[in-house]
Amino acid sequence: MNWTATRPIRVVVLDDHAVVRHGLAARLKQEADIEVTGMFASGREIVQALKDNAVEVDVLLMDYSLGPAEIDGLNLIRLIRVRYPDLKILVASAHHNKATVGMVMHAGARGFVGKEEDLSELVRAIRTVAAGGKRLNAALAAEMERDALAADAPAPTADGAQLSALVDRPELSPREREVLRCCLDGMSVTDIAEKFARSIKTISSQKQSAYRKLGIRTDTELFKIKHELEAQ
């Protein structure tokens, strides 16, 4: 899954809308240095295809919001990044507020393209990501950089204390706090299990217990709380 310039970039398109899927593929096929090697409608399909070595891919171009019965975008990105670390993920979505983009990039995506952007920008993004770079549109990148600089300033950095207040709540056990901190760092259950030499089942149970105590059910909700605290 490592791309070199001696052959076309192998791109797989994942989108639950057939018109979008085929439209993107048709546009990409116009580029001599890009080869569309697969199209999928669901996260489960692409995960199974990767597991079966049924598709060759350098860049996975995926929608962030798939169907309601689907694996959510963040968990799908994390799962693929853990199992296939050489595969580059580029997200194309209409949902591109700072919080969503921040979560997507933190989870392991290499770039984000808004669906309202010109398709030529998408082509450039694929080339950038395939070559090992990262890609955000200029306006969003500048805005996120300003936020990062503001967060590093000495005066208003209360978010560290706010996040500690979230993670260090008294109802959480010490091990639940450990797991929660690792989740906020973008680690998967498997990563955490390896880090602490515990079973995946144990880490999963501790994570779910922590989520119940916080009144949340998914990673998306956890990161939403995190970003809301950071915005305060």
C-alpha atoms as a PDB file:
ATOM      1  CA  MET A   1       0.000   0.000   0.000  1.00  0.00           C
ATOM      2  CA  ASN A   2       3.013   2.301  -0.337  1.00  0.00           C
ATOM      3  CA  TRP A   3       2.657   4.449  -3.435  1.00  0.00           C
ATOM      4  CA  THR A   4       5.608   5.281  -5.651  1.00  0.00           C
ATOM      5  CA  ALA A   5       5.596   7.613  -8.631  1.00  0.00           C
ATOM      6  CA  THR A   6       6.420   4.724 -10.990  1.00  0.00           C
ATOM      7  CA  ARG A   7       2.752   3.679 -11.163  1.00  0.00           C
ATOM      8  CA  PRO A   8      -0.690   5.304 -10.832  1.00  0.00           C
ATOM      9  CA  ILE A   9      -2.121   6.123  -7.423  1.00  0.00           C
ATOM     10  CA  ARG A  10      -4.632   3.392  -6.577  1.00  0.00           C
ATOM     11  CA  VAL A  11      -7.773   4.994  -5.155  1.00  0.00           C
ATOM     12  CA  VAL A  12     -10.789   3.331  -3.577  1.00  0.00           C
ATOM     13  CA  VAL A  13     -14.004   5.359  -3.252  1.00  0.00           C
ATOM     14  CA  LEU A  14     -16.307   4.793  -0.251  1.00  0.00           C
ATOM     15  CA  ASP A  15     -19.656   6.607  -0.296  1.00  0.00           C
ATOM     16  CA  ASP A  16     -23.163   5.340   0.439  1.00  0.00           C
ATOM     17  CA  HIS A  17     -24.661   7.450  -2.377  1.00  0.00           C
ATOM     18  CA  ALA A  18     -24.334   5.694  -5.746  1.00  0.00           C
ATOM     19  CA  VAL A  19     -24.480   8.914  -7.778  1.00  0.00           C
ATOM     20  CA  VAL A  20     -21.669  10.482  -5.746  1.00  0.00           C
ATOM     21  CA  ARG A  21     -19.618   7.285  -5.836  1.00  0.00           C
ATOM     22  CA  HIS A  22     -19.811   6.892  -9.600  1.00  0.00           C
ATOM     23  CA  GLY A  23     -19.409  10.624 -10.219  1.00  0.00           C
ATOM     24  CA  LEU A  24     -16.185  10.769  -8.220  1.00  0.00           C
ATOM     25  CA  ALA A  25     -14.858   7.643  -9.927  1.00  0.00           C
ATOM     26  CA  ALA A  26     -15.658   9.025 -13.393  1.00  0.00           C
ATOM     27  CA  ARG A  27     -13.791  12.265 -12.632  1.00  0.00           C
ATOM     28  CA  LEU A  28     -10.750  10.506 -11.181  1.00  0.00           C
ATOM     29  CA  LYS A  29     -10.490   8.179 -14.169  1.00  0.00           C
ATOM     30  CA  GLN A  30      -9.716  11.236 -16.305  1.00  0.00           C
ATOM     31  CA  GLU A  31      -6.335  11.529 -14.559  1.00  0.00           C
ATOM     32  CA  ALA A  32      -3.471   9.521 -16.048  1.00  0.00           C
ATOM     33  CA  ASP A  33      -1.738   9.141 -12.685  1.00  0.00           C
ATOM     34  CA  ILE A  34      -4.825   7.911 -10.777  1.00  0.00           C
ATOM     35  CA  GLU A  35      -6.449   4.486 -11.015  1.00  0.00           C
ATOM     36  CA  VAL A  36      -9.798   3.755  -9.325  1.00  0.00           C
ATOM     37  CA  THR A  37      -9.402   0.198  -8.059  1.00  0.00           C
ATOM     38  CA  GLY A  38     -12.667  -0.143  -6.156  1.00  0.00           C
ATOM     39  CA  MET A  39     -15.960   1.455  -5.136  1.00  0.00           C
ATOM     40  CA  PHE A  40     -17.838   0.591  -1.956  1.00  0.00           C
ATOM     41  CA  ALA A  41     -21.125   1.660  -0.399  1.00  0.00           C
ATOM     42  CA  SER A  42     -20.427   0.695   3.220  1.00  0.00           C
ATOM     43  CA  GLY A  43     -17.632   0.590   5.758  1.00  0.00           C
ATOM     44  CA  ARG A  44     -18.182  -3.106   6.332  1.00  0.00           C
ATOM     45  CA  GLU A  45     -17.630  -3.799   2.626  1.00  0.00           C
ATOM     46  CA  ILE A  46     -14.290  -1.992   2.506  1.00  0.00           C
ATOM     47  CA  VAL A  47     -13.106  -3.563   5.773  1.00  0.00           C
ATOM     48  CA  GLN A  48     -13.925  -7.034   4.435  1.00  0.00           C
ATOM     49  CA  ALA A  49     -12.262  -6.300   1.081  1.00  0.00           C
ATOM     50  CA  LEU A  50      -9.089  -5.143   2.812  1.00  0.00           C
ATOM     51  CA  LYS A  51      -9.128  -8.200   5.070  1.00  0.00           C
ATOM     52  CA  ASP A  52      -9.493 -10.509   2.050  1.00  0.00           C
ATOM     53  CA  ASN A  53      -6.813  -8.636   0.063  1.00  0.00           C
ATOM     54  CA  ALA A  54      -9.510  -8.190  -2.571  1.00  0.00           C
ATOM     55  CA  VAL A  55      -8.531  -4.627  -3.428  1.00  0.00           C
ATOM     56  CA  GLU A  56      -5.249  -2.782  -4.017  1.00  0.00           C
ATOM     57  CA  VAL A  57      -5.293   0.729  -2.616  1.00  0.00           C
ATOM     58  CA  ASP A  58      -2.949   3.593  -1.777  1.00  0.00           C
ATOM     59  CA  VAL A  59      -5.590   6.210  -0.912  1.00  0.00           C
ATOM     60  CA  LEU A  60      -9.042   5.577   0.527  1.00  0.00           C
ATOM     61  CA  LEU A  61     -11.369   8.437  -0.431  1.00  0.00           C
ATOM     62  CA  MET A  62     -14.276   8.172   1.998  1.00  0.00           C
ATOM     63  CA  ASP A  63     -17.359  10.044   3.073  1.00  0.00           C
ATOM     64  CA  TYR A  64     -17.447  10.880   6.780  1.00  0.00           C
ATOM     65  CA  SER A  65     -21.184  10.339   7.261  1.00  0.00           C
ATOM     66  CA  LEU A  66     -22.317   6.961   5.983  1.00  0.00           C
ATOM     67  CA  GLY A  67     -25.700   5.300   6.583  1.00  0.00           C
ATOM     68  CA  PRO A  68     -27.355   5.143  10.035  1.00  0.00           C
ATOM     69  CA  ALA A  69     -26.601   1.421  10.411  1.00  0.00           C
ATOM     70  CA  GLU A  70     -22.951   1.962   9.476  1.00  0.00           C
ATOM     71  CA  ILE A  71     -19.746   2.130  11.485  1.00  0.00           C
ATOM     72  CA  ASP A  72     -19.351   5.827  12.317  1.00  0.00           C
ATOM     73  CA  GLY A  73     -16.660   7.706  10.413  1.00  0.00           C
ATOM     74  CA  LEU A  74     -14.251   8.159  13.331  1.00  0.00           C
ATOM     75  CA  ASN A  75     -14.264   4.519  14.337  1.00  0.00           C
ATOM     76  CA  LEU A  76     -13.860   3.407  10.731  1.00  0.00           C
ATOM     77  CA  ILE A  77     -10.828   5.666  10.293  1.00  0.00           C
ATOM     78  CA  ARG A  78      -9.269   4.393  13.519  1.00  0.00           C
ATOM     79  CA  LEU A  79      -9.933   0.759  12.628  1.00  0.00           C
ATOM     80  CA  ILE A  80      -8.335   1.100   9.197  1.00  0.00           C
ATOM     81  CA  ARG A  81      -5.373   3.096  10.523  1.00  0.00           C
ATOM     82  CA  VAL A  82      -4.602   0.410  13.120  1.00  0.00           C
ATOM     83  CA  ARG A  83      -4.911  -2.535  10.734  1.00  0.00           C
ATOM     84  CA  TYR A  84      -3.482  -0.892   7.606  1.00  0.00           C
ATOM     85  CA  PRO A  85      -1.111   1.896   8.712  1.00  0.00           C
ATOM     86  CA  ASP A  86       0.310   2.434   5.201  1.00  0.00           C
ATOM     87  CA  LEU A  87      -3.102   3.176   3.702  1.00  0.00           C
ATOM     88  CA  LYS A  88      -3.703   6.919   3.364  1.00  0.00           C
ATOM     89  CA  ILE A  89      -7.213   8.154   4.201  1.00  0.00           C
ATOM     90  CA  LEU A  90      -8.726  11.255   2.591  1.00  0.00           C
ATOM     91  CA  VAL A  91     -12.166  12.323   3.831  1.00  0.00           C
ATOM     92  CA  ALA A  92     -14.600  14.077   1.515  1.00  0.00           C
ATOM     93  CA  SER A  93     -17.668  15.390   3.315  1.00  0.00           C
ATOM     94  CA  ALA A  94     -20.225  18.168   3.463  1.00  0.00           C
ATOM     95  CA  HIS A  95     -19.708  18.213   7.256  1.00  0.00           C
ATOM     96  CA  HIS A  96     -16.578  20.287   7.632  1.00  0.00           C
ATOM     97  CA  ASN A  97     -16.763  22.403  10.771  1.00  0.00           C
ATOM     98  CA  LYS A  98     -13.552  22.749  12.765  1.00  0.00           C
ATOM     99  CA  ALA A  99     -14.584  20.186  15.370  1.00  0.00           C
ATOM    100  CA  THR A 100     -15.358  17.490  12.795  1.00  0.00           C
ATOM    101  CA  VAL A 101     -12.184  18.117  10.810  1.00  0.00           C
ATOM    102  CA  GLY A 102     -10.101  18.134  13.991  1.00  0.00           C
ATOM    103  CA  MET A 103     -11.557  14.790  15.080  1.00  0.00           C
ATOM    104  CA  VAL A 104     -11.051  13.247  11.644  1.00  0.00           C
ATOM    105  CA  MET A 105      -7.410  14.315  11.448  1.00  0.00           C
ATOM    106  CA  HIS A 106      -6.753  13.278  15.043  1.00  0.00           C
ATOM    107  CA  ALA A 107      -8.215   9.852  14.288  1.00  0.00           C
ATOM    108  CA  GLY A 108      -5.678   9.321  11.530  1.00  0.00           C
ATOM    109  CA  ALA A 109      -6.980  10.782   8.261  1.00  0.00           C
ATOM    110  CA  ARG A 110      -4.372  12.520   6.110  1.00  0.00           C
ATOM    111  CA  GLY A 111      -6.667  15.121   4.627  1.00  0.00           C
ATOM    112  CA  PHE A 112     -10.145  16.576   4.387  1.00  0.00           C
ATOM    113  CA  VAL A 113     -11.966  17.955   1.335  1.00  0.00           C
ATOM    114  CA  GLY A 114     -15.333  19.701   1.515  1.00  0.00           C
ATOM    115  CA  LYS A 115     -17.830  18.390  -1.022  1.00  0.00           C
ATOM    116  CA  GLU A 116     -18.505  21.937  -2.190  1.00  0.00           C
ATOM    117  CA  GLU A 117     -14.891  22.297  -3.343  1.00  0.00           C
ATOM    118  CA  ASP A 118     -13.945  22.008  -6.995  1.00  0.00           C
ATOM    119  CA  LEU A 119     -13.100  18.485  -8.130  1.00  0.00           C
ATOM    120  CA  SER A 120      -9.675  19.688  -9.244  1.00  0.00           C
ATOM    121  CA  GLU A 121      -8.963  20.352  -5.552  1.00  0.00           C
ATOM    122  CA  LEU A 122      -9.924  16.777  -4.772  1.00  0.00           C
ATOM    123  CA  VAL A 123      -7.461  15.506  -7.382  1.00  0.00           C
ATOM    124  CA  ARG A 124      -4.690  17.663  -5.901  1.00  0.00           C
ATOM    125  CA  ALA A 125      -5.571  16.428  -2.422  1.00  0.00           C
ATOM    126  CA  ILE A 126      -5.264  12.798  -3.513  1.00  0.00           C
ATOM    127  CA  ARG A 127      -1.805  13.470  -4.946  1.00  0.00           C
ATOM    128  CA  THR A 128      -0.716  15.304  -1.802  1.00  0.00           C
ATOM    129  CA  VAL A 129      -1.942  12.564   0.524  1.00  0.00           C
ATOM    130  CA  ALA A 130      -0.481   9.769  -1.640  1.00  0.00           C
ATOM    131  CA  ALA A 131       2.920  11.476  -1.487  1.00  0.00           C
ATOM    132  CA  GLY A 132       2.791  11.489   2.325  1.00  0.00           C
ATOM    133  CA  GLY A 133       1.538  15.032   2.884  1.00  0.00           C
ATOM    134  CA  LYS A 134      -1.538  16.355   4.654  1.00  0.00           C
ATOM    135  CA  ARG A 135      -4.284  18.412   3.091  1.00  0.00           C
ATOM    136  CA  LEU A 136      -6.858  20.895   4.407  1.00  0.00           C
ATOM    137  CA  ASN A 137      -8.277  23.783   2.445  1.00  0.00           C
ATOM    138  CA  ALA A 138      -6.354  27.013   3.072  1.00  0.00           C
ATOM    139  CA  ALA A 139      -9.077  28.870   4.977  1.00  0.00           C
ATOM    140  CA  LEU A 140      -9.800  25.991   7.344  1.00  0.00           C
ATOM    141  CA  ALA A 141      -6.108  25.247   7.888  1.00  0.00           C
ATOM    142  CA  ALA A 142      -5.456  28.904   8.774  1.00  0.00           C
ATOM    143  CA  GLU A 143      -8.397  28.966  11.177  1.00  0.00           C
ATOM    144  CA  MET A 144      -7.268  25.781  12.932  1.00  0.00           C
ATOM    145  CA  GLU A 145      -3.705  27.105  13.146  1.00  0.00           C
ATOM    146  CA  ARG A 146      -4.971  30.292  14.793  1.00  0.00           C
ATOM    147  CA  ASP A 147      -6.908  28.203  17.292  1.00  0.00           C
ATOM    148  CA  ALA A 148      -3.827  26.079  18.018  1.00  0.00           C
ATOM    149  CA  LEU A 149      -1.699  29.180  18.590  1.00  0.00           C
ATOM    150  CA  ALA A 150      -4.364  30.621  20.885  1.00  0.00           C
ATOM    151  CA  ALA A 151      -4.473  27.364  22.834  1.00  0.00           C
ATOM    152  CA  ASP A 152      -0.683  27.557  23.307  1.00  0.00           C
ATOM    153  CA  ALA A 153      -0.808  31.108  24.642  1.00  0.00           C
ATOM    154  CA  PRO A 154      -0.058  31.336  28.362  1.00  0.00           C
ATOM    155  CA  ALA A 155      -3.096  33.343  29.436  1.00  0.00           C
ATOM    156  CA  PRO A 156      -6.268  31.562  28.378  1.00  0.00           C
ATOM    157  CA  THR A 157      -5.227  27.883  28.522  1.00  0.00           C
ATOM    158  CA  ALA A 158      -7.951  26.683  30.826  1.00  0.00           C
ATOM    159  CA  ASP A 159      -8.839  23.792  28.523  1.00  0.00           C
ATOM    160  CA  GLY A 160      -6.215  21.507  30.108  1.00  0.00           C
ATOM    161  CA  ALA A 161      -7.873  21.976  33.477  1.00  0.00           C
ATOM    162  CA  GLN A 162     -11.304  21.526  31.914  1.00  0.00           C
ATOM    163  CA  LEU A 163     -10.294  18.267  30.254  1.00  0.00           C
ATOM    164  CA  SER A 164      -8.770  17.095  33.525  1.00  0.00           C
ATOM    165  CA  ALA A 165     -12.091  17.856  35.163  1.00  0.00           C
ATOM    166  CA  LEU A 166     -13.708  15.587  32.576  1.00  0.00           C
ATOM    167  CA  VAL A 167     -11.230  12.707  32.867  1.00  0.00           C
ATOM    168  CA  ASP A 168     -10.573  12.947  36.610  1.00  0.00           C
ATOM    169  CA  ARG A 169     -14.180  12.841  37.717  1.00  0.00           C
ATOM    170  CA  PRO A 170     -14.421  11.005  41.059  1.00  0.00           C
ATOM    171  CA  GLU A 171     -16.864   8.372  39.813  1.00  0.00           C
ATOM    172  CA  LEU A 172     -14.236   7.064  37.367  1.00  0.00           C
ATOM    173  CA  SER A 173     -11.794   4.436  38.569  1.00  0.00           C
ATOM    174  CA  PRO A 174      -8.040   5.040  38.012  1.00  0.00           C
ATOM    175  CA  ARG A 175      -7.973   2.524  35.180  1.00  0.00           C
ATOM    176  CA  GLU A 176     -11.067   4.029  33.557  1.00  0.00           C
ATOM    177  CA  ARG A 177      -9.280   7.391  33.643  1.00  0.00           C
ATOM    178  CA  GLU A 178      -6.225   5.855  31.971  1.00  0.00           C
ATOM    179  CA  VAL A 179      -8.368   4.391  29.218  1.00  0.00           C
ATOM    180  CA  LEU A 180     -10.280   7.636  28.721  1.00  0.00           C
ATOM    181  CA  ARG A 181      -7.070   9.661  28.385  1.00  0.00           C
ATOM    182  CA  CYS A 182      -5.768   7.204  25.809  1.00  0.00           C
ATOM    183  CA  CYS A 183      -9.050   7.428  23.863  1.00  0.00           C
ATOM    184  CA  LEU A 184      -8.724  11.213  23.820  1.00  0.00           C
ATOM    185  CA  ASP A 185      -5.210  10.750  22.411  1.00  0.00           C
ATOM    186  CA  GLY A 186      -6.744   8.827  19.494  1.00  0.00           C
ATOM    187  CA  MET A 187      -5.701   5.343  20.613  1.00  0.00           C
ATOM    188  CA  SER A 188      -7.864   2.347  19.757  1.00  0.00           C
ATOM    189  CA  VAL A 189      -8.907  -0.344  22.256  1.00  0.00           C
ATOM    190  CA  THR A 190      -6.242  -2.615  20.758  1.00  0.00           C
ATOM    191  CA  ASP A 191      -3.561   0.077  21.155  1.00  0.00           C
ATOM    192  CA  ILE A 192      -4.537   0.625  24.796  1.00  0.00           C
ATOM    193  CA  ALA A 193      -4.548  -3.110  25.517  1.00  0.00           C
ATOM    194  CA  GLU A 194      -1.008  -3.390  24.146  1.00  0.00           C
ATOM    195  CA  LYS A 195       0.148  -0.290  26.063  1.00  0.00           C
ATOM    196  CA  PHE A 196      -1.031  -1.599  29.444  1.00  0.00           C
ATOM    197  CA  ALA A 197      -0.597  -5.335  28.698  1.00  0.00           C
ATOM    198  CA  ARG A 198      -4.269  -6.022  29.354  1.00  0.00           C
ATOM    199  CA  SER A 199      -6.775  -7.952  27.296  1.00  0.00           C
ATOM    200  CA  ILE A 200      -8.847  -6.183  24.657  1.00  0.00           C
ATOM    201  CA  LYS A 201     -11.973  -7.389  26.488  1.00  0.00           C
ATOM    202  CA  THR A 202     -10.812  -5.765  29.747  1.00  0.00           C
ATOM    203  CA  ILE A 203     -10.005  -2.439  28.066  1.00  0.00           C
ATOM    204  CA  SER A 204     -13.316  -2.484  26.201  1.00  0.00           C
ATOM    205  CA  SER A 205     -15.206  -3.095  29.453  1.00  0.00           C
ATOM    206  CA  GLN A 206     -13.354  -0.268  31.229  1.00  0.00           C
ATOM    207  CA  LYS A 207     -14.019   2.077  28.324  1.00  0.00           C
ATOM    208  CA  GLN A 208     -17.745   1.281  28.232  1.00  0.00           C
ATOM    209  CA  SER A 209     -17.970   1.649  32.015  1.00  0.00           C
ATOM    210  CA  ALA A 210     -16.341   5.095  31.796  1.00  0.00           C
ATOM    211  CA  TYR A 211     -18.705   6.095  28.992  1.00  0.00           C
ATOM    212  CA  ARG A 212     -21.748   5.042  31.054  1.00  0.00           C
ATOM    213  CA  LYS A 213     -20.537   7.154  33.982  1.00  0.00           C
ATOM    214  CA  LEU A 214     -20.067  10.143  31.668  1.00  0.00           C
ATOM    215  CA  GLY A 215     -23.509   9.620  30.128  1.00  0.00           C
ATOM    216  CA  ILE A 216     -22.157   9.016  26.624  1.00  0.00           C
ATOM    217  CA  ARG A 217     -22.158   6.012  24.278  1.00  0.00           C
ATOM    218  CA  THR A 218     -19.712   6.636  21.436  1.00  0.00           C
ATOM    219  CA  ASP A 219     -16.250   8.024  20.659  1.00  0.00           C
ATOM    220  CA  THR A 220     -17.926  10.768  18.654  1.00  0.00           C
ATOM    221  CA  GLU A 221     -19.781  11.949  21.762  1.00  0.00           C
ATOM    222  CA  LEU A 222     -16.544  11.874  23.800  1.00  0.00           C
ATOM    223  CA  PHE A 223     -14.702  14.045  21.270  1.00  0.00           C
ATOM    224  CA  LYS A 224     -17.715  16.346  21.050  1.00  0.00           C
ATOM    225  CA  ILE A 225     -17.478  16.943  24.806  1.00  0.00           C
ATOM    226  CA  LYS A 226     -13.725  17.487  24.447  1.00  0.00           C
ATOM    227  CA  HIS A 227     -14.091  20.068  21.691  1.00  0.00           C
ATOM    228  CA  GLU A 228     -16.936  21.827  23.521  1.00  0.00           C
ATOM    229  CA  LEU A 229     -14.682  22.155  26.580  1.00  0.00           C
ATOM    230  CA  GLU A 230     -11.822  23.461  24.478  1.00  0.00           C
ATOM    231  CA  ALA A 231     -14.118  26.067  22.959  1.00  0.00           C
ATOM    232  CA  GLN A 232     -15.114  27.460  26.339  1.00  0.00           C
END
